[in-house]
């Protein structure tokens, strides 16, 4: 099926989504896979956690 993606393709889309707007077909495929997969949503949370940690580190100032 055209909209079905593997976990490997889905993780690549999750990372690409951080840098650019995905085409509609990729966004739909991503949603479908995330609804059916138990592992990829965990990877998405890990990516978001790393992104937030890096954002906080970037704005960190040593006050001592």
PDB file of N, CA and C in Angstrom:
ATOM      1  N   UNK A   1       0.849  -1.186   0.000  1.00  0.00           N
ATOM      2  CA  UNK A   1       0.000   0.000   0.000  1.00  0.00           C
ATOM      3  C   UNK A   1       0.887   1.240   0.000  1.00  0.00           C
ATOM      4  N   UNK A   2       0.455   2.249  -0.693  1.00  0.00           N
ATOM      5  CA  UNK A   2       1.245   3.461  -0.886  1.00  0.00           C
ATOM      6  C   UNK A   2       1.493   4.223   0.419  1.00  0.00           C
ATOM      7  N   UNK A   3       0.526   4.238   1.305  1.00  0.00           N
ATOM      8  CA  UNK A   3       0.662   5.031   2.529  1.00  0.00           C
ATOM      9  C   UNK A   3       1.277   4.271   3.689  1.00  0.00           C
ATOM     10  N   UNK A   4       1.497   2.985   3.541  1.00  0.00           N
ATOM     11  CA  UNK A   4       2.110   2.221   4.619  1.00  0.00           C
ATOM     12  C   UNK A   4       3.623   2.399   4.589  1.00  0.00           C
ATOM     13  N   UNK A   5       4.187   2.711   5.730  1.00  0.00           N
ATOM     14  CA  UNK A   5       5.629   2.912   5.842  1.00  0.00           C
ATOM     15  C   UNK A   5       6.187   1.924   6.856  1.00  0.00           C
ATOM     16  N   UNK A   6       7.445   1.580   6.685  1.00  0.00           N
ATOM     17  CA  UNK A   6       8.124   0.738   7.663  1.00  0.00           C
ATOM     18  C   UNK A   6       8.552   1.618   8.842  1.00  0.00           C
ATOM     19  N   UNK A   7       8.987   0.980   9.908  1.00  0.00           N
ATOM     20  CA  UNK A   7       9.479   1.739  11.059  1.00  0.00           C
ATOM     21  C   UNK A   7      10.710   2.571  10.672  1.00  0.00           C
ATOM     22  N   UNK A   8      11.566   2.000   9.855  1.00  0.00           N
ATOM     23  CA  UNK A   8      12.761   2.721   9.419  1.00  0.00           C
ATOM     24  C   UNK A   8      12.381   3.976   8.627  1.00  0.00           C
ATOM     25  N   UNK A   9      11.415   3.856   7.724  1.00  0.00           N
ATOM     26  CA  UNK A   9      10.962   5.014   6.949  1.00  0.00           C
ATOM     27  C   UNK A   9      10.273   6.032   7.855  1.00  0.00           C
ATOM     28  N   UNK A  10       9.520   5.546   8.815  1.00  0.00           N
ATOM     29  CA  UNK A  10       8.812   6.436   9.732  1.00  0.00           C
ATOM     30  C   UNK A  10       9.772   7.227  10.604  1.00  0.00           C
ATOM     31  N   UNK A  11      10.802   6.579  11.116  1.00  0.00           N
ATOM     32  CA  UNK A  11      11.767   7.316  11.936  1.00  0.00           C
ATOM     33  C   UNK A  11      12.491   8.371  11.103  1.00  0.00           C
ATOM     34  N   UNK A  12      12.756   8.068   9.837  1.00  0.00           N
ATOM     35  CA  UNK A  12      13.373   9.063   8.955  1.00  0.00           C
ATOM     36  C   UNK A  12      12.436  10.249   8.752  1.00  0.00           C
ATOM     37  N   UNK A  13      11.140   9.982   8.626  1.00  0.00           N
ATOM     38  CA  UNK A  13      10.172  11.064   8.479  1.00  0.00           C
ATOM     39  C   UNK A  13      10.083  11.903   9.758  1.00  0.00           C
ATOM     40  N   UNK A  14      10.134  11.242  10.905  1.00  0.00           N
ATOM     41  CA  UNK A  14      10.081  11.976  12.174  1.00  0.00           C
ATOM     42  C   UNK A  14      11.266  12.936  12.300  1.00  0.00           C
ATOM     43  N   UNK A  15      12.425  12.495  11.886  1.00  0.00           N
ATOM     44  CA  UNK A  15      13.610  13.344  11.958  1.00  0.00           C
ATOM     45  C   UNK A  15      13.538  14.446  10.906  1.00  0.00           C
ATOM     46  N   UNK A  16      13.083  14.106   9.702  1.00  0.00           N
ATOM     47  CA  UNK A  16      12.966  15.105   8.635  1.00  0.00           C
ATOM     48  C   UNK A  16      11.952  16.177   8.998  1.00  0.00           C
ATOM     49  N   UNK A  17      10.923  15.779   9.729  1.00  0.00           N
ATOM     50  CA  UNK A  17       9.881  16.724  10.143  1.00  0.00           C
ATOM     51  C   UNK A  17      10.431  17.837  11.030  1.00  0.00           C
ATOM     52  N   UNK A  18      11.546  17.577  11.685  1.00  0.00           N
ATOM     53  CA  UNK A  18      12.173  18.597  12.523  1.00  0.00           C
ATOM     54  C   UNK A  18      12.742  19.744  11.686  1.00  0.00           C
ATOM     55  N   UNK A  19      13.112  19.448  10.434  1.00  0.00           N
ATOM     56  CA  UNK A  19      13.792  20.428   9.595  1.00  0.00           C
ATOM     57  C   UNK A  19      12.924  21.058   8.516  1.00  0.00           C
ATOM     58  N   UNK A  20      11.859  20.372   8.135  1.00  0.00           N
ATOM     59  CA  UNK A  20      11.069  20.876   7.014  1.00  0.00           C
ATOM     60  C   UNK A  20       9.631  20.387   7.117  1.00  0.00           C
ATOM     61  N   UNK A  21       8.766  21.048   6.369  1.00  0.00           N
ATOM     62  CA  UNK A  21       7.371  20.635   6.285  1.00  0.00           C
ATOM     63  C   UNK A  21       7.282  19.436   5.352  1.00  0.00           C
ATOM     64  N   UNK A  22       6.678  18.378   5.832  1.00  0.00           N
ATOM     65  CA  UNK A  22       6.543  17.162   5.020  1.00  0.00           C
ATOM     66  C   UNK A  22       5.383  17.310   4.038  1.00  0.00           C
ATOM     67  N   UNK A  23       5.490  16.668   2.881  1.00  0.00           N
ATOM     68  CA  UNK A  23       4.352  16.641   1.950  1.00  0.00           C
ATOM     69  C   UNK A  23       3.148  15.956   2.603  1.00  0.00           C
ATOM     70  N   UNK A  24       1.970  16.283   2.124  1.00  0.00           N
ATOM     71  CA  UNK A  24       0.734  15.755   2.698  1.00  0.00           C
ATOM     72  C   UNK A  24       0.733  14.230   2.734  1.00  0.00           C
ATOM     73  N   UNK A  25       1.191  13.587   1.680  1.00  0.00           N
ATOM     74  CA  UNK A  25       1.181  12.119   1.652  1.00  0.00           C
ATOM     75  C   UNK A  25       2.070  11.542   2.752  1.00  0.00           C
ATOM     76  N   UNK A  26       3.214  12.172   3.019  1.00  0.00           N
ATOM     77  CA  UNK A  26       4.096  11.699   4.092  1.00  0.00           C
ATOM     78  C   UNK A  26       3.484  11.957   5.465  1.00  0.00           C
ATOM     79  N   UNK A  27       2.812  13.081   5.628  1.00  0.00           N
ATOM     80  CA  UNK A  27       2.168  13.368   6.921  1.00  0.00           C
ATOM     81  C   UNK A  27       1.056  12.366   7.212  1.00  0.00           C
ATOM     82  N   UNK A  28       0.292  12.016   6.184  1.00  0.00           N
ATOM     83  CA  UNK A  28      -0.778  11.028   6.356  1.00  0.00           C
ATOM     84  C   UNK A  28      -0.183   9.659   6.670  1.00  0.00           C
ATOM     85  N   UNK A  29       0.838   9.273   5.921  1.00  0.00           N
ATOM     86  CA  UNK A  29       1.490   7.979   6.156  1.00  0.00           C
ATOM     87  C   UNK A  29       2.077   7.921   7.565  1.00  0.00           C
ATOM     88  N   UNK A  30       2.651   9.020   8.010  1.00  0.00           N
ATOM     89  CA  UNK A  30       3.225   9.091   9.352  1.00  0.00           C
ATOM     90  C   UNK A  30       2.141   8.883  10.409  1.00  0.00           C
ATOM     91  N   UNK A  31       1.017   9.548  10.253  1.00  0.00           N
ATOM     92  CA  UNK A  31      -0.087   9.398  11.215  1.00  0.00           C
ATOM     93  C   UNK A  31      -0.621   7.967  11.243  1.00  0.00           C
ATOM     94  N   UNK A  32      -0.783   7.388  10.065  1.00  0.00           N
ATOM     95  CA  UNK A  32      -1.290   6.014  10.003  1.00  0.00           C
ATOM     96  C   UNK A  32      -0.340   5.043  10.687  1.00  0.00           C
ATOM     97  N   UNK A  33       0.944   5.193  10.415  1.00  0.00           N
ATOM     98  CA  UNK A  33       1.916   4.293  11.028  1.00  0.00           C
ATOM     99  C   UNK A  33       1.962   4.495  12.540  1.00  0.00           C
ATOM    100  N   UNK A  34       1.941   5.747  12.983  1.00  0.00           N
ATOM    101  CA  UNK A  34       2.028   6.029  14.416  1.00  0.00           C
ATOM    102  C   UNK A  34       0.805   5.473  15.160  1.00  0.00           C
ATOM    103  N   UNK A  35      -0.338   5.438  14.495  1.00  0.00           N
ATOM    104  CA  UNK A  35      -1.548   4.892  15.123  1.00  0.00           C
ATOM    105  C   UNK A  35      -1.476   3.374  15.265  1.00  0.00           C
ATOM    106  N   UNK A  36      -0.735   2.725  14.365  1.00  0.00           N
ATOM    107  CA  UNK A  36      -0.693   1.263  14.360  1.00  0.00           C
ATOM    108  C   UNK A  36       0.522   0.685  15.078  1.00  0.00           C
ATOM    109  N   UNK A  37       1.585   1.469  15.231  1.00  0.00           N
ATOM    110  CA  UNK A  37       2.850   0.957  15.765  1.00  0.00           C
ATOM    111  C   UNK A  37       2.982   1.299  17.252  1.00  0.00           C
ATOM    112  N   UNK A  38       3.561   0.394  18.000  1.00  0.00           N
ATOM    113  CA  UNK A  38       3.783   0.656  19.426  1.00  0.00           C
ATOM    114  C   UNK A  38       5.163   1.249  19.695  1.00  0.00           C
ATOM    115  N   UNK A  39       6.103   1.053  18.794  1.00  0.00           N
ATOM    116  CA  UNK A  39       7.485   1.454  19.024  1.00  0.00           C
ATOM    117  C   UNK A  39       7.773   2.873  18.545  1.00  0.00           C
ATOM    118  N   UNK A  40       7.269   3.233  17.393  1.00  0.00           N
ATOM    119  CA  UNK A  40       7.607   4.539  16.810  1.00  0.00           C
ATOM    120  C   UNK A  40       7.131   5.734  17.649  1.00  0.00           C
ATOM    121  N   UNK A  41       5.967   5.681  18.290  1.00  0.00           N
ATOM    122  CA  UNK A  41       5.615   6.797  19.165  1.00  0.00           C
ATOM    123  C   UNK A  41       6.624   7.000  20.311  1.00  0.00           C
ATOM    124  N   UNK A  42       7.212   5.922  20.785  1.00  0.00           N
ATOM    125  CA  UNK A  42       8.249   6.032  21.812  1.00  0.00           C
ATOM    126  C   UNK A  42       9.475   6.759  21.245  1.00  0.00           C
ATOM    127  N   UNK A  43       9.846   6.404  20.006  1.00  0.00           N
ATOM    128  CA  UNK A  43      10.963   7.080  19.358  1.00  0.00           C
ATOM    129  C   UNK A  43      10.652   8.563  19.176  1.00  0.00           C
ATOM    130  N   UNK A  44       9.420   8.877  18.802  1.00  0.00           N
ATOM    131  CA  UNK A  44       9.022  10.282  18.642  1.00  0.00           C
ATOM    132  C   UNK A  44       9.180  11.044  19.956  1.00  0.00           C
ATOM    133  N   UNK A  45       8.760  10.434  21.068  1.00  0.00           N
ATOM    134  CA  UNK A  45       8.915  11.085  22.380  1.00  0.00           C
ATOM    135  C   UNK A  45      10.383  11.295  22.707  1.00  0.00           C
ATOM    136  N   UNK A  46      11.235  10.327  22.355  1.00  0.00           N
ATOM    137  CA  UNK A  46      12.667  10.468  22.605  1.00  0.00           C
ATOM    138  C   UNK A  46      13.253  11.621  21.780  1.00  0.00           C
ATOM    139  N   UNK A  47      12.836  11.746  20.532  1.00  0.00           N
ATOM    140  CA  UNK A  47      13.306  12.842  19.679  1.00  0.00           C
ATOM    141  C   UNK A  47      12.875  14.185  20.272  1.00  0.00           C
ATOM    142  N   UNK A  48      11.624  14.266  20.717  1.00  0.00           N
ATOM    143  CA  UNK A  48      11.137  15.507  21.314  1.00  0.00           C
ATOM    144  C   UNK A  48      11.871  15.834  22.610  1.00  0.00           C
ATOM    145  N   UNK A  49      12.162  14.825  23.403  1.00  0.00           N
ATOM    146  CA  UNK A  49      12.911  15.032  24.641  1.00  0.00           C
ATOM    147  C   UNK A  49      14.306  15.569  24.349  1.00  0.00           C
ATOM    148  N   UNK A  50      14.969  14.982  23.359  1.00  0.00           N
ATOM    149  CA  UNK A  50      16.313  15.457  22.987  1.00  0.00           C
ATOM    150  C   UNK A  50      16.257  16.882  22.452  1.00  0.00           C
ATOM    151  N   UNK A  51      15.258  17.179  21.640  1.00  0.00           N
ATOM    152  CA  UNK A  51      15.130  18.528  21.089  1.00  0.00           C
ATOM    153  C   UNK A  51      14.921  19.546  22.204  1.00  0.00           C
ATOM    154  N   UNK A  52      14.057  19.226  23.155  1.00  0.00           N
ATOM    155  CA  UNK A  52      13.811  20.144  24.271  1.00  0.00           C
ATOM    156  C   UNK A  52      15.044  20.301  25.156  1.00  0.00           C
ATOM    157  N   UNK A  53      15.764  19.218  25.395  1.00  0.00           N
ATOM    158  CA  UNK A  53      16.984  19.288  26.201  1.00  0.00           C
ATOM    159  C   UNK A  53      18.030  20.155  25.511  1.00  0.00           C
ATOM    160  N   UNK A  54      18.172  20.004  24.208  1.00  0.00           N
ATOM    161  CA  UNK A  54      19.134  20.834  23.473  1.00  0.00           C
ATOM    162  C   UNK A  54      18.733  22.301  23.484  1.00  0.00           C
ATOM    163  N   UNK A  55      17.441  22.562  23.378  1.00  0.00           N
ATOM    164  CA  UNK A  55      16.963  23.943  23.423  1.00  0.00           C
ATOM    165  C   UNK A  55      17.288  24.563  24.786  1.00  0.00           C
ATOM    166  N   UNK A  56      17.058  23.816  25.857  1.00  0.00           N
ATOM    167  CA  UNK A  56      17.370  24.324  27.195  1.00  0.00           C
ATOM    168  C   UNK A  56      18.868  24.514  27.362  1.00  0.00           C
ATOM    169  N   UNK A  57      19.667  23.605  26.862  1.00  0.00           N
ATOM    170  CA  UNK A  57      21.121  23.709  26.973  1.00  0.00           C
ATOM    171  C   UNK A  57      21.614  24.933  26.206  1.00  0.00           C
ATOM    172  N   UNK A  58      21.030  25.186  25.041  1.00  0.00           N
ATOM    173  CA  UNK A  58      21.428  26.322  24.226  1.00  0.00           C
ATOM    174  C   UNK A  58      21.180  27.644  24.962  1.00  0.00           C
ATOM    175  N   UNK A  59      20.137  27.683  25.789  1.00  0.00           N
ATOM    176  CA  UNK A  59      19.792  28.903  26.511  1.00  0.00           C
ATOM    177  C   UNK A  59      20.320  28.904  27.949  1.00  0.00           C
ATOM    178  N   UNK A  60      21.142  27.934  28.274  1.00  0.00           N
ATOM    179  CA  UNK A  60      21.691  27.822  29.621  1.00  0.00           C
ATOM    180  C   UNK A  60      22.755  28.892  29.834  1.00  0.00           C
ATOM    181  N   UNK A  61      22.708  29.544  30.979  1.00  0.00           N
ATOM    182  CA  UNK A  61      23.764  30.487  31.363  1.00  0.00           C
ATOM    183  C   UNK A  61      24.248  30.127  32.736  1.00  0.00           C
ATOM    184  N   UNK A  62      25.538  30.143  32.900  1.00  0.00           N
ATOM    185  CA  UNK A  62      26.129  29.816  34.191  1.00  0.00           C
ATOM    186  C   UNK A  62      26.072  31.078  35.052  1.00  0.00           C
ATOM    187  N   UNK A  63      25.279  31.043  36.116  1.00  0.00           N
ATOM    188  CA  UNK A  63      25.100  32.229  36.945  1.00  0.00           C
ATOM    189  C   UNK A  63      26.087  32.305  38.098  1.00  0.00           C
ATOM    190  N   UNK A  64      26.939  31.312  38.230  1.00  0.00           N
ATOM    191  CA  UNK A  64      27.897  31.323  39.339  1.00  0.00           C
ATOM    192  C   UNK A  64      29.168  32.003  38.950  1.00  0.00           C
TER     193      UNK A  64
END
